PDB file of N, CA and C in Angstrom:
ATOM      1  N   MET A   1     -10.226  -4.269 -50.151  1.00  0.00           N
ATOM      2  CA  MET A   1     -10.337  -2.952 -49.609  1.00  0.00           C
ATOM      3  C   MET A   1     -11.511  -2.346 -50.020  1.00  0.00           C
ATOM      4  N   SER A   2     -12.344  -1.703 -48.899  1.00  0.00           N
ATOM      5  CA  SER A   2     -13.780  -1.226 -48.934  1.00  0.00           C
ATOM      6  C   SER A   2     -13.550   0.293 -50.136  1.00  0.00           C
ATOM      7  N   THR A   3     -13.957   0.613 -50.628  1.00  0.00           N
ATOM      8  CA  THR A   3     -14.119   1.869 -51.300  1.00  0.00           C
ATOM      9  C   THR A   3     -15.042   2.964 -51.236  1.00  0.00           C
ATOM     10  N   SER A   4     -15.791   2.371 -50.313  1.00  0.00           N
ATOM     11  CA  SER A   4     -17.235   3.389 -49.895  1.00  0.00           C
ATOM     12  C   SER A   4     -16.690   3.712 -48.597  1.00  0.00           C
ATOM     13  N   THR A   5     -17.609   5.272 -48.042  1.00  0.00           N
ATOM     14  CA  THR A   5     -17.600   5.426 -46.786  1.00  0.00           C
ATOM     15  C   THR A   5     -19.002   5.808 -46.170  1.00  0.00           C
ATOM     16  N   ALA A   6     -18.785   5.674 -44.820  1.00  0.00           N
ATOM     17  CA  ALA A   6     -20.481   5.949 -44.062  1.00  0.00           C
ATOM     18  C   ALA A   6     -21.031   7.122 -44.245  1.00  0.00           C
ATOM     19  N   ASN A   7     -20.375   8.184 -44.738  1.00  0.00           N
ATOM     20  CA  ASN A   7     -20.799   9.352 -45.108  1.00  0.00           C
ATOM     21  C   ASN A   7     -20.790   9.294 -46.492  1.00  0.00           C
ATOM     22  N   GLY A   8     -20.449   8.456 -47.209  1.00  0.00           N
ATOM     23  CA  GLY A   8     -20.498   8.887 -48.754  1.00  0.00           C
ATOM     24  C   GLY A   8     -19.720   9.534 -49.322  1.00  0.00           C
ATOM     25  N   ILE A   9     -18.182  10.367 -48.458  1.00  0.00           N
ATOM     26  CA  ILE A   9     -17.283  11.179 -49.093  1.00  0.00           C
ATOM     27  C   ILE A   9     -16.082  10.137 -49.571  1.00  0.00           C
ATOM     28  N   ALA A  10     -15.482  10.288 -50.703  1.00  0.00           N
ATOM     29  CA  ALA A  10     -14.265   9.726 -50.649  1.00  0.00           C
ATOM     30  C   ALA A  10     -13.686  10.095 -52.312  1.00  0.00           C
ATOM     31  N   PRO A  11     -12.626  10.697 -52.102  1.00  0.00           N
ATOM     32  CA  PRO A  11     -12.092  11.142 -53.390  1.00  0.00           C
ATOM     33  C   PRO A  11     -11.611  10.152 -54.368  1.00  0.00           C
ATOM     34  N   ALA A  12     -11.164  10.360 -55.679  1.00  0.00           N
ATOM     35  CA  ALA A  12     -10.962   9.539 -56.421  1.00  0.00           C
ATOM     36  C   ALA A  12      -9.339   8.994 -56.841  1.00  0.00           C
ATOM     37  N   ASN A  13      -8.787   8.729 -56.501  1.00  0.00           N
ATOM     38  CA  ASN A  13      -7.647   8.457 -56.859  1.00  0.00           C
ATOM     39  C   ASN A  13      -7.253   8.092 -58.521  1.00  0.00           C
ATOM     40  N   SER A  14      -6.065   7.824 -59.130  1.00  0.00           N
ATOM     41  CA  SER A  14      -5.729   8.114 -60.210  1.00  0.00           C
ATOM     42  C   SER A  14      -6.318   7.129 -61.396  1.00  0.00           C
ATOM     43  N   ASN A  15      -6.654   5.962 -60.308  1.00  0.00           N
ATOM     44  CA  ASN A  15      -7.458   5.160 -61.529  1.00  0.00           C
ATOM     45  C   ASN A  15      -8.741   5.256 -61.603  1.00  0.00           C
ATOM     46  N   GLY A  16      -9.191   6.191 -60.757  1.00  0.00           N
ATOM     47  CA  GLY A  16     -10.618   6.789 -60.650  1.00  0.00           C
ATOM     48  C   GLY A  16     -11.434   5.630 -59.843  1.00  0.00           C
ATOM     49  N   ASP A  17     -10.917   5.188 -58.923  1.00  0.00           N
ATOM     50  CA  ASP A  17     -11.627   4.455 -57.887  1.00  0.00           C
ATOM     51  C   ASP A  17     -11.744   5.203 -56.250  1.00  0.00           C
ATOM     52  N   ARG A  18     -12.752   5.011 -55.749  1.00  0.00           N
ATOM     53  CA  ARG A  18     -12.930   5.890 -54.952  1.00  0.00           C
ATOM     54  C   ARG A  18     -11.842   5.680 -53.267  1.00  0.00           C
ATOM     55  N   LEU A  19     -11.283   6.343 -52.827  1.00  0.00           N
ATOM     56  CA  LEU A  19     -10.604   6.201 -51.437  1.00  0.00           C
ATOM     57  C   LEU A  19     -11.324   6.617 -50.521  1.00  0.00           C
ATOM     58  N   PRO A  20     -11.538   5.768 -49.112  1.00  0.00           N
ATOM     59  CA  PRO A  20     -11.948   6.570 -48.166  1.00  0.00           C
ATOM     60  C   PRO A  20     -11.477   7.565 -47.489  1.00  0.00           C
ATOM     61  N   ILE A  21     -11.973   8.359 -46.607  1.00  0.00           N
ATOM     62  CA  ILE A  21     -11.602   9.213 -45.733  1.00  0.00           C
ATOM     63  C   ILE A  21     -11.963   8.931 -44.463  1.00  0.00           C
ATOM     64  N   LYS A  22     -10.802   9.347 -43.543  1.00  0.00           N
ATOM     65  CA  LYS A  22     -10.768   9.320 -42.174  1.00  0.00           C
ATOM     66  C   LYS A  22     -10.381  10.613 -41.485  1.00  0.00           C
ATOM     67  N   MET A  23     -11.429  11.656 -40.917  1.00  0.00           N
ATOM     68  CA  MET A  23     -11.185  12.296 -40.215  1.00  0.00           C
ATOM     69  C   MET A  23      -9.699  12.022 -38.935  1.00  0.00           C
ATOM     70  N   LEU A  24      -8.903  12.870 -38.495  1.00  0.00           N
ATOM     71  CA  LEU A  24      -7.990  12.299 -37.688  1.00  0.00           C
ATOM     72  C   LEU A  24      -8.188  13.529 -36.577  1.00  0.00           C
ATOM     73  N   ASN A  25      -7.849  13.092 -35.481  1.00  0.00           N
ATOM     74  CA  ASN A  25      -7.893  13.939 -34.206  1.00  0.00           C
ATOM     75  C   ASN A  25      -8.739  14.531 -33.905  1.00  0.00           C
ATOM     76  N   ASP A  26      -8.791  16.074 -33.903  1.00  0.00           N
ATOM     77  CA  ASP A  26     -10.186  16.426 -33.386  1.00  0.00           C
ATOM     78  C   ASP A  26     -10.487  17.520 -34.449  1.00  0.00           C
ATOM     79  N   ARG A  27     -10.606  16.719 -35.872  1.00  0.00           N
ATOM     80  CA  ARG A  27     -11.297  17.470 -37.064  1.00  0.00           C
ATOM     81  C   ARG A  27     -12.345  17.105 -37.122  1.00  0.00           C
ATOM     82  N   ILE A  28     -13.340  18.353 -37.700  1.00  0.00           N
ATOM     83  CA  ILE A  28     -14.299  18.383 -38.147  1.00  0.00           C
ATOM     84  C   ILE A  28     -14.431  18.336 -39.679  1.00  0.00           C
ATOM     85  N   LEU A  29     -15.342  17.940 -40.094  1.00  0.00           N
ATOM     86  CA  LEU A  29     -15.523  18.160 -41.978  1.00  0.00           C
ATOM     87  C   LEU A  29     -16.949  18.508 -41.784  1.00  0.00           C
ATOM     88  N   VAL A  30     -17.291  19.784 -42.358  1.00  0.00           N
ATOM     89  CA  VAL A  30     -18.900  20.121 -42.618  1.00  0.00           C
ATOM     90  C   VAL A  30     -19.113  20.311 -43.790  1.00  0.00           C
ATOM     91  N   GLY A  31     -20.371  20.212 -44.161  1.00  0.00           N
ATOM     92  CA  GLY A  31     -20.718  20.819 -45.402  1.00  0.00           C
ATOM     93  C   GLY A  31     -20.609  22.381 -45.709  1.00  0.00           C
ATOM     94  N   HIS A  32     -20.334  22.958 -47.086  1.00  0.00           N
ATOM     95  CA  HIS A  32     -20.435  24.041 -47.317  1.00  0.00           C
ATOM     96  C   HIS A  32     -21.143  25.158 -46.900  1.00  0.00           C
ATOM     97  N   GLY A  33     -21.705  25.650 -46.297  1.00  0.00           N
ATOM     98  CA  GLY A  33     -23.106  26.066 -46.192  1.00  0.00           C
ATOM     99  C   GLY A  33     -22.931  27.500 -47.143  1.00  0.00           C
ATOM    100  N   ASP A  34     -23.933  28.498 -47.075  1.00  0.00           N
ATOM    101  CA  ASP A  34     -24.332  29.440 -47.984  1.00  0.00           C
ATOM    102  C   ASP A  34     -23.954  30.836 -47.116  1.00  0.00           C
ATOM    103  N   ALA A  35     -23.165  30.706 -46.266  1.00  0.00           N
ATOM    104  CA  ALA A  35     -22.484  31.898 -45.707  1.00  0.00           C
ATOM    105  C   ALA A  35     -22.058  32.748 -46.281  1.00  0.00           C
ATOM    106  N   GLU A  36     -21.908  32.695 -47.771  1.00  0.00           N
ATOM    107  CA  GLU A  36     -21.171  33.909 -48.454  1.00  0.00           C
ATOM    108  C   GLU A  36     -22.250  34.341 -49.494  1.00  0.00           C
ATOM    109  N   GLY A  37     -23.329  34.109 -49.715  1.00  0.00           N
ATOM    110  CA  GLY A  37     -24.519  34.119 -50.802  1.00  0.00           C
ATOM    111  C   GLY A  37     -24.915  34.974 -50.227  1.00  0.00           C
ATOM    112  N   GLU A  38     -26.360  35.034 -51.091  1.00  0.00           N
ATOM    113  CA  GLU A  38     -27.518  36.298 -50.519  1.00  0.00           C
ATOM    114  C   GLU A  38     -28.030  35.475 -49.487  1.00  0.00           C
ATOM    115  N   ARG A  39     -28.974  36.171 -48.786  1.00  0.00           N
ATOM    116  CA  ARG A  39     -29.704  35.611 -47.797  1.00  0.00           C
ATOM    117  C   ARG A  39     -31.030  36.677 -47.176  1.00  0.00           C
ATOM    118  N   ARG A  40     -31.937  36.237 -45.950  1.00  0.00           N
ATOM    119  CA  ARG A  40     -32.834  37.165 -46.221  1.00  0.00           C
ATOM    120  C   ARG A  40     -33.004  37.029 -44.630  1.00  0.00           C
ATOM    121  N   SER A  41     -33.296  38.257 -44.456  1.00  0.00           N
ATOM    122  CA  SER A  41     -33.704  38.698 -43.108  1.00  0.00           C
ATOM    123  C   SER A  41     -34.992  38.084 -42.530  1.00  0.00           C
ATOM    124  N   SER A  42     -35.296  38.004 -41.009  1.00  0.00           N
ATOM    125  CA  SER A  42     -36.537  37.618 -41.081  1.00  0.00           C
ATOM    126  C   SER A  42     -37.680  38.327 -40.983  1.00  0.00           C
ATOM    127  N   GLY A  43     -37.476  39.290 -41.716  1.00  0.00           N
ATOM    128  CA  GLY A  43     -38.417  40.206 -42.063  1.00  0.00           C
ATOM    129  C   GLY A  43     -38.716  40.252 -43.793  1.00  0.00           C
ATOM    130  N   GLY A  44     -37.867  39.229 -44.685  1.00  0.00           N
ATOM    131  CA  GLY A  44     -38.446  38.698 -45.612  1.00  0.00           C
ATOM    132  C   GLY A  44     -37.298  40.071 -46.435  1.00  0.00           C
ATOM    133  N   ILE A  45     -36.577  40.520 -45.781  1.00  0.00           N
ATOM    134  CA  ILE A  45     -35.662  41.606 -46.909  1.00  0.00           C
ATOM    135  C   ILE A  45     -34.437  40.933 -47.566  1.00  0.00           C
ATOM    136  N   LEU A  46     -34.143  40.821 -48.758  1.00  0.00           N
ATOM    137  CA  LEU A  46     -33.110  40.106 -49.349  1.00  0.00           C
ATOM    138  C   LEU A  46     -31.501  41.079 -48.777  1.00  0.00           C
ATOM    139  N   ILE A  47     -30.492  40.314 -48.220  1.00  0.00           N
ATOM    140  CA  ILE A  47     -29.539  41.091 -48.335  1.00  0.00           C
ATOM    141  C   ILE A  47     -28.538  40.496 -49.090  1.00  0.00           C
ATOM    142  N   PRO A  48     -27.904  41.470 -50.298  1.00  0.00           N
ATOM    143  CA  PRO A  48     -26.837  40.958 -50.831  1.00  0.00           C
ATOM    144  C   PRO A  48     -25.969  40.358 -50.572  1.00  0.00           C
ATOM    145  N   ALA A  49     -24.867  39.604 -51.038  1.00  0.00           N
ATOM    146  CA  ALA A  49     -23.601  38.933 -50.640  1.00  0.00           C
ATOM    147  C   ALA A  49     -22.590  39.884 -50.445  1.00  0.00           C
ATOM    148  N   THR A  50     -22.729  40.856 -50.833  1.00  0.00           N
ATOM    149  CA  THR A  50     -21.638  42.113 -51.091  1.00  0.00           C
ATOM    150  C   THR A  50     -21.842  42.970 -49.963  1.00  0.00           C
ATOM    151  N   ALA A  51     -23.173  43.295 -49.246  1.00  0.00           N
ATOM    152  CA  ALA A  51     -23.102  43.428 -48.060  1.00  0.00           C
ATOM    153  C   ALA A  51     -22.192  43.184 -46.604  1.00  0.00           C
ATOM    154  N   GLN A  52     -21.811  44.469 -46.166  1.00  0.00           N
ATOM    155  CA  GLN A  52     -20.720  44.765 -45.328  1.00  0.00           C
ATOM    156  C   GLN A  52     -21.318  43.971 -43.980  1.00  0.00           C
ATOM    157  N   VAL A  53     -20.937  43.126 -43.465  1.00  0.00           N
ATOM    158  CA  VAL A  53     -21.310  42.262 -42.224  1.00  0.00           C
ATOM    159  C   VAL A  53     -20.403  41.675 -41.299  1.00  0.00           C
ATOM    160  N   GLY A  54     -20.273  42.252 -40.366  1.00  0.00           N
ATOM    161  CA  GLY A  54     -19.404  42.202 -39.193  1.00  0.00           C
ATOM    162  C   GLY A  54     -19.192  41.070 -38.379  1.00  0.00           C
ATOM    163  N   LYS A  55     -18.308  39.962 -38.385  1.00  0.00           N
ATOM    164  CA  LYS A  55     -18.109  38.847 -37.509  1.00  0.00           C
ATOM    165  C   LYS A  55     -19.725  38.064 -37.047  1.00  0.00           C
ATOM    166  N   ARG A  56     -19.686  37.910 -38.489  1.00  0.00           N
ATOM    167  CA  ARG A  56     -21.264  36.923 -38.573  1.00  0.00           C
ATOM    168  C   ARG A  56     -20.899  35.500 -38.114  1.00  0.00           C
ATOM    169  N   LEU A  57     -21.584  34.653 -37.537  1.00  0.00           N
ATOM    170  CA  LEU A  57     -20.915  33.270 -37.533  1.00  0.00           C
ATOM    171  C   LEU A  57     -22.199  32.348 -38.239  1.00  0.00           C
ATOM    172  N   ALA A  58     -21.549  31.254 -38.619  1.00  0.00           N
ATOM    173  CA  ALA A  58     -22.424  30.694 -40.056  1.00  0.00           C
ATOM    174  C   ALA A  58     -22.798  28.968 -39.207  1.00  0.00           C
ATOM    175  N   TRP A  59     -23.718  28.483 -39.594  1.00  0.00           N
ATOM    176  CA  TRP A  59     -24.219  27.129 -39.153  1.00  0.00           C
ATOM    177  C   TRP A  59     -23.842  26.260 -40.618  1.00  0.00           C
ATOM    178  N   ALA A  60     -23.340  24.887 -40.248  1.00  0.00           N
ATOM    179  CA  ALA A  60     -23.042  24.132 -41.109  1.00  0.00           C
ATOM    180  C   ALA A  60     -23.360  22.622 -40.435  1.00  0.00           C
ATOM    181  N   GLU A  61     -23.767  21.990 -41.590  1.00  0.00           N
ATOM    182  CA  GLU A  61     -24.065  20.504 -41.085  1.00  0.00           C
ATOM    183  C   GLU A  61     -22.692  19.464 -41.172  1.00  0.00           C
ATOM    184  N   VAL A  62     -22.209  18.665 -40.071  1.00  0.00           N
ATOM    185  CA  VAL A  62     -20.888  17.842 -39.927  1.00  0.00           C
ATOM    186  C   VAL A  62     -21.328  16.294 -40.807  1.00  0.00           C
ATOM    187  N   VAL A  63     -20.176  16.134 -41.357  1.00  0.00           N
ATOM    188  CA  VAL A  63     -20.241  15.255 -42.595  1.00  0.00           C
ATOM    189  C   VAL A  63     -19.084  14.228 -42.171  1.00  0.00           C
ATOM    190  N   ALA A  64     -18.348  14.766 -41.232  1.00  0.00           N
ATOM    191  CA  ALA A  64     -17.556  13.484 -40.822  1.00  0.00           C
ATOM    192  C   ALA A  64     -16.463  14.287 -39.681  1.00  0.00           C
ATOM    193  N   ALA A  65     -16.248  13.203 -38.888  1.00  0.00           N
ATOM    194  CA  ALA A  65     -15.856  13.713 -37.076  1.00  0.00           C
ATOM    195  C   ALA A  65     -14.728  12.835 -36.760  1.00  0.00           C
ATOM    196  N   GLY A  66     -13.444  13.371 -36.496  1.00  0.00           N
ATOM    197  CA  GLY A  66     -12.448  12.409 -36.013  1.00  0.00           C
ATOM    198  C   GLY A  66     -12.728  11.753 -35.052  1.00  0.00           C
ATOM    199  N   PRO A  67     -11.820  11.019 -34.334  1.00  0.00           N
ATOM    200  CA  PRO A  67     -11.875   9.944 -33.165  1.00  0.00           C
ATOM    201  C   PRO A  67     -11.694  11.168 -31.983  1.00  0.00           C
ATOM    202  N   ASN A  68     -11.324  12.070 -31.669  1.00  0.00           N
ATOM    203  CA  ASN A  68     -11.110  12.999 -30.565  1.00  0.00           C
ATOM    204  C   ASN A  68     -12.103  13.905 -30.261  1.00  0.00           C
ATOM    205  N   VAL A  69     -13.158  13.734 -31.237  1.00  0.00           N
ATOM    206  CA  VAL A  69     -14.367  14.879 -31.158  1.00  0.00           C
ATOM    207  C   VAL A  69     -15.046  14.393 -29.994  1.00  0.00           C
ATOM    208  N   ARG A  70     -15.445  14.978 -28.965  1.00  0.00           N
ATOM    209  CA  ARG A  70     -16.350  14.575 -28.113  1.00  0.00           C
ATOM    210  C   ARG A  70     -17.476  15.165 -28.061  1.00  0.00           C
ATOM    211  N   ASN A  71     -17.878  16.333 -28.368  1.00  0.00           N
ATOM    212  CA  ASN A  71     -19.360  16.942 -28.195  1.00  0.00           C
ATOM    213  C   ASN A  71     -20.092  16.823 -29.804  1.00  0.00           C
ATOM    214  N   MET A  72     -19.808  16.537 -30.709  1.00  0.00           N
ATOM    215  CA  MET A  72     -20.133  16.388 -31.945  1.00  0.00           C
ATOM    216  C   MET A  72     -20.484  15.252 -32.835  1.00  0.00           C
ATOM    217  N   GLU A  73     -21.761  14.789 -33.704  1.00  0.00           N
ATOM    218  CA  GLU A  73     -21.877  13.857 -34.591  1.00  0.00           C
ATOM    219  C   GLU A  73     -21.993  14.046 -35.607  1.00  0.00           C
ATOM    220  N   VAL A  74     -21.783  12.969 -36.429  1.00  0.00           N
ATOM    221  CA  VAL A  74     -22.373  13.628 -37.669  1.00  0.00           C
ATOM    222  C   VAL A  74     -23.742  13.480 -38.252  1.00  0.00           C
ATOM    223  N   GLY A  75     -23.954  14.675 -38.659  1.00  0.00           N
ATOM    224  CA  GLY A  75     -25.794  14.868 -38.949  1.00  0.00           C
ATOM    225  C   GLY A  75     -25.885  16.618 -37.770  1.00  0.00           C
ATOM    226  N   ASP A  76     -24.898  16.592 -36.888  1.00  0.00           N
ATOM    227  CA  ASP A  76     -25.346  17.837 -36.120  1.00  0.00           C
ATOM    228  C   ASP A  76     -25.221  18.972 -36.868  1.00  0.00           C
ATOM    229  N   ARG A  77     -25.513  20.226 -36.434  1.00  0.00           N
ATOM    230  CA  ARG A  77     -25.476  21.480 -37.033  1.00  0.00           C
ATOM    231  C   ARG A  77     -24.533  21.921 -35.928  1.00  0.00           C
ATOM    232  N   VAL A  78     -23.964  22.625 -36.417  1.00  0.00           N
ATOM    233  CA  VAL A  78     -22.604  23.511 -35.531  1.00  0.00           C
ATOM    234  C   VAL A  78     -22.569  25.122 -36.282  1.00  0.00           C
ATOM    235  N   LEU A  79     -21.970  26.260 -34.916  1.00  0.00           N
ATOM    236  CA  LEU A  79     -22.174  27.163 -35.447  1.00  0.00           C
ATOM    237  C   LEU A  79     -20.455  27.551 -35.505  1.00  0.00           C
ATOM    238  N   PHE A  80     -20.071  28.326 -36.436  1.00  0.00           N
ATOM    239  CA  PHE A  80     -18.485  28.689 -36.251  1.00  0.00           C
ATOM    240  C   PHE A  80     -18.010  29.910 -37.180  1.00  0.00           C
ATOM    241  N   ASN A  81     -17.227  30.553 -37.204  1.00  0.00           N
ATOM    242  CA  ASN A  81     -16.494  31.537 -37.736  1.00  0.00           C
ATOM    243  C   ASN A  81     -16.156  31.385 -39.008  1.00  0.00           C
ATOM    244  N   PRO A  82     -16.689  31.737 -39.695  1.00  0.00           N
ATOM    245  CA  PRO A  82     -16.255  31.598 -41.374  1.00  0.00           C
ATOM    246  C   PRO A  82     -14.960  31.923 -41.619  1.00  0.00           C
ATOM    247  N   GLU A  83     -14.738  32.804 -41.091  1.00  0.00           N
ATOM    248  CA  GLU A  83     -13.022  33.318 -41.252  1.00  0.00           C
ATOM    249  C   GLU A  83     -12.035  32.530 -40.761  1.00  0.00           C
ATOM    250  N   ASP A  84     -12.215  31.580 -39.833  1.00  0.00           N
ATOM    251  CA  ASP A  84     -11.232  30.530 -39.256  1.00  0.00           C
ATOM    252  C   ASP A  84     -11.196  29.341 -39.679  1.00  0.00           C
ATOM    253  N   ARG A  85     -11.638  28.966 -41.174  1.00  0.00           N
ATOM    254  CA  ARG A  85     -11.615  27.680 -41.707  1.00  0.00           C
ATOM    255  C   ARG A  85     -10.657  27.190 -42.621  1.00  0.00           C
ATOM    256  N   TYR A  86     -10.676  26.154 -43.303  1.00  0.00           N
ATOM    257  CA  TYR A  86     -10.112  25.508 -44.533  1.00  0.00           C
ATOM    258  C   TYR A  86     -10.800  24.826 -45.469  1.00  0.00           C
ATOM    259  N   GLU A  87     -10.938  25.258 -46.426  1.00  0.00           N
ATOM    260  CA  GLU A  87     -11.594  24.498 -47.326  1.00  0.00           C
ATOM    261  C   GLU A  87     -11.118  23.608 -48.344  1.00  0.00           C
ATOM    262  N   VAL A  88     -11.657  22.379 -48.570  1.00  0.00           N
ATOM    263  CA  VAL A  88     -11.520  21.325 -49.337  1.00  0.00           C
ATOM    264  C   VAL A  88     -12.587  21.121 -49.990  1.00  0.00           C
ATOM    265  N   GLU A  89     -11.781  20.523 -51.486  1.00  0.00           N
ATOM    266  CA  GLU A  89     -12.565  19.732 -52.495  1.00  0.00           C
ATOM    267  C   GLU A  89     -12.588  18.582 -52.562  1.00  0.00           C
ATOM    268  N   VAL A  90     -13.586  17.522 -52.459  1.00  0.00           N
ATOM    269  CA  VAL A  90     -13.911  16.415 -52.616  1.00  0.00           C
ATOM    270  C   VAL A  90     -14.799  15.716 -53.543  1.00  0.00           C
ATOM    271  N   GLY A  91     -14.380  15.464 -54.238  1.00  0.00           N
ATOM    272  CA  GLY A  91     -15.464  14.549 -55.293  1.00  0.00           C
ATOM    273  C   GLY A  91     -16.114  15.873 -55.928  1.00  0.00           C
ATOM    274  N   GLY A  92     -15.423  17.027 -56.298  1.00  0.00           N
ATOM    275  CA  GLY A  92     -16.369  18.176 -56.684  1.00  0.00           C
ATOM    276  C   GLY A  92     -17.385  18.979 -55.981  1.00  0.00           C
ATOM    277  N   THR A  93     -17.287  18.387 -54.631  1.00  0.00           N
ATOM    278  CA  THR A  93     -18.061  19.119 -53.351  1.00  0.00           C
ATOM    279  C   THR A  93     -17.258  19.832 -52.624  1.00  0.00           C
ATOM    280  N   ASP A  94     -17.122  21.129 -52.072  1.00  0.00           N
ATOM    281  CA  ASP A  94     -16.656  21.934 -51.178  1.00  0.00           C
ATOM    282  C   ASP A  94     -16.984  21.602 -49.746  1.00  0.00           C
ATOM    283  N   TYR A  95     -16.389  21.360 -48.964  1.00  0.00           N
ATOM    284  CA  TYR A  95     -15.989  21.055 -47.499  1.00  0.00           C
ATOM    285  C   TYR A  95     -15.214  21.844 -47.223  1.00  0.00           C
ATOM    286  N   ILE A  96     -15.625  22.334 -45.654  1.00  0.00           N
ATOM    287  CA  ILE A  96     -14.815  23.235 -44.696  1.00  0.00           C
ATOM    288  C   ILE A  96     -14.342  22.302 -43.209  1.00  0.00           C
ATOM    289  N   ILE A  97     -12.945  22.148 -43.225  1.00  0.00           N
ATOM    290  CA  ILE A  97     -12.262  21.633 -42.134  1.00  0.00           C
ATOM    291  C   ILE A  97     -12.226  22.447 -40.973  1.00  0.00           C
ATOM    292  N   LEU A  98     -12.872  22.307 -39.925  1.00  0.00           N
ATOM    293  CA  LEU A  98     -12.651  23.177 -38.556  1.00  0.00           C
ATOM    294  C   LEU A  98     -12.416  22.345 -37.448  1.00  0.00           C
ATOM    295  N   ARG A  99     -11.630  22.649 -36.332  1.00  0.00           N
ATOM    296  CA  ARG A  99     -11.175  21.781 -35.426  1.00  0.00           C
ATOM    297  C   ARG A  99     -12.340  22.049 -34.216  1.00  0.00           C
ATOM    298  N   GLU A 100     -12.278  20.984 -33.310  1.00  0.00           N
ATOM    299  CA  GLU A 100     -13.578  21.073 -32.263  1.00  0.00           C
ATOM    300  C   GLU A 100     -13.543  22.396 -31.413  1.00  0.00           C
ATOM    301  N   ARG A 101     -12.451  22.848 -31.377  1.00  0.00           N
ATOM    302  CA  ARG A 101     -12.200  24.082 -30.105  1.00  0.00           C
ATOM    303  C   ARG A 101     -12.656  25.302 -30.890  1.00  0.00           C
ATOM    304  N   ASP A 102     -12.852  25.217 -32.480  1.00  0.00           N
ATOM    305  CA  ASP A 102     -13.497  26.364 -33.459  1.00  0.00           C
ATOM    306  C   ASP A 102     -15.168  26.387 -33.387  1.00  0.00           C
ATOM    307  N   ILE A 103     -15.555  25.253 -33.141  1.00  0.00           N
ATOM    308  CA  ILE A 103     -17.209  25.379 -33.021  1.00  0.00           C
ATOM    309  C   ILE A 103     -17.573  26.178 -31.649  1.00  0.00           C
ATOM    310  N   HIS A 104     -18.751  27.055 -31.919  1.00  0.00           N
ATOM    311  CA  HIS A 104     -19.158  27.867 -30.753  1.00  0.00           C
ATOM    312  C   HIS A 104     -20.267  27.060 -30.173  1.00  0.00           C
ATOM    313  N   ALA A 105     -21.343  26.435 -30.975  1.00  0.00           N
ATOM    314  CA  ALA A 105     -22.119  25.525 -30.374  1.00  0.00           C
ATOM    315  C   ALA A 105     -22.729  24.775 -31.367  1.00  0.00           C
ATOM    316  N   VAL A 106     -23.706  23.637 -30.764  1.00  0.00           N
ATOM    317  CA  VAL A 106     -23.937  22.609 -31.635  1.00  0.00           C
ATOM    318  C   VAL A 106     -25.491  22.321 -31.449  1.00  0.00           C
ATOM    319  N   ALA A 107     -26.052  22.237 -32.525  1.00  0.00           N
ATOM    320  CA  ALA A 107     -27.752  21.863 -32.495  1.00  0.00           C
ATOM    321  C   ALA A 107     -28.230  20.472 -33.036  1.00  0.00           C
ATOM    322  N   ALA A 108     -28.763  19.725 -32.128  1.00  0.00           N
ATOM    323  CA  ALA A 108     -29.185  18.189 -32.765  1.00  0.00           C
ATOM    324  C   ALA A 108     -30.227  17.570 -31.762  1.00  0.00           C
ATOM    325  N   GLU A 109     -31.143  16.908 -32.130  1.00  0.00           N
ATOM    326  CA  GLU A 109     -32.417  16.739 -31.762  1.00  0.00           C
ATOM    327  C   GLU A 109     -31.565  15.827 -30.370  1.00  0.00           C
ATOM    328  N   ARG A 110     -30.781  14.971 -30.456  1.00  0.00           N
ATOM    329  CA  ARG A 110     -30.081  14.053 -29.571  1.00  0.00           C
ATOM    330  C   ARG A 110     -29.559  14.832 -28.196  1.00  0.00           C
ATOM    331  N   LEU A 111     -29.242  16.047 -28.475  1.00  0.00           N
ATOM    332  CA  LEU A 111     -29.233  16.796 -26.615  1.00  0.00           C
ATOM    333  C   LEU A 111     -30.281  17.038 -26.140  1.00  0.00           C
ATOM    334  N   GLU A 112     -29.886  17.153 -24.809  1.00  0.00           N
ATOM    335  CA  GLU A 112     -30.686  17.321 -23.682  1.00  0.00           C
ATOM    336  C   GLU A 112     -31.660  18.348 -23.703  1.00  0.00           C
ATOM    337  N   GLU A 113     -32.897  17.978 -23.867  1.00  0.00           N
ATOM    338  CA  GLU A 113     -33.723  19.173 -23.721  1.00  0.00           C
ATOM    339  C   GLU A 113     -33.660  20.242 -22.400  1.00  0.00           C
ATOM    340  N   GLY A 114     -33.277  21.432 -22.656  1.00  0.00           N
ATOM    341  CA  GLY A 114     -33.570  22.712 -21.974  1.00  0.00           C
ATOM    342  C   GLY A 114     -31.901  22.945 -21.776  1.00  0.00           C
ATOM    343  N   SER A 115     -30.605  22.090 -22.448  1.00  0.00           N
ATOM    344  CA  SER A 115     -29.570  22.471 -22.119  1.00  0.00           C
ATOM    345  C   SER A 115     -29.053  23.622 -22.526  1.00  0.00           C
ATOM    346  N   THR A 116     -29.482  24.145 -23.285  1.00  0.00           N
ATOM    347  CA  THR A 116     -29.334  25.822 -23.854  1.00  0.00           C
ATOM    348  C   THR A 116     -30.700  26.676 -23.996  1.00  0.00           C
ATOM    349  N   GLY A 117     -31.695  26.381 -23.712  1.00  0.00           N
ATOM    350  CA  GLY A 117     -32.913  27.167 -23.918  1.00  0.00           C
ATOM    351  C   GLY A 117     -32.829  27.658 -25.343  1.00  0.00           C
ATOM    352  N   LEU A 118     -31.785  27.926 -26.395  1.00  0.00           N
ATOM    353  CA  LEU A 118     -32.501  27.737 -27.793  1.00  0.00           C
ATOM    354  C   LEU A 118     -32.740  26.935 -28.478  1.00  0.00           C
ATOM    355  N   TYR A 119     -33.654  27.221 -29.588  1.00  0.00           N
ATOM    356  CA  TYR A 119     -34.442  26.231 -30.431  1.00  0.00           C
ATOM    357  C   TYR A 119     -34.182  26.846 -31.969  1.00  0.00           C
ATOM    358  N   LEU A 120     -33.701  25.813 -32.943  1.00  0.00           N
ATOM    359  CA  LEU A 120     -33.282  26.356 -34.182  1.00  0.00           C
ATOM    360  C   LEU A 120     -34.513  25.783 -35.008  1.00  0.00           C
TER     361      LEU A 120
END
């Protein structure tokens, strides 16, 4: 039995061995972004984490995807609502689990040029 994953994500079992993780259905595992911390505006102004911000979407990188995910791949950056999420800790690192339908946009070099007209 293999104890590693293609993405390097694997929780330890009671013996300390790493177990592989497979995302199911349309679930996506993304890295925990900096959506809740301090950030800077485009003009360089520091915005504290306690500032009241209404309905701000966040970007995160896809770490793993289930077999029924059609529009995203590992390494893509996705835009989602930070309030609609489930958090999980794997190997001491925090991740977010989302459904494909909860993703608002995908940013990746593999996408066709001109598909959205936006550049990140």
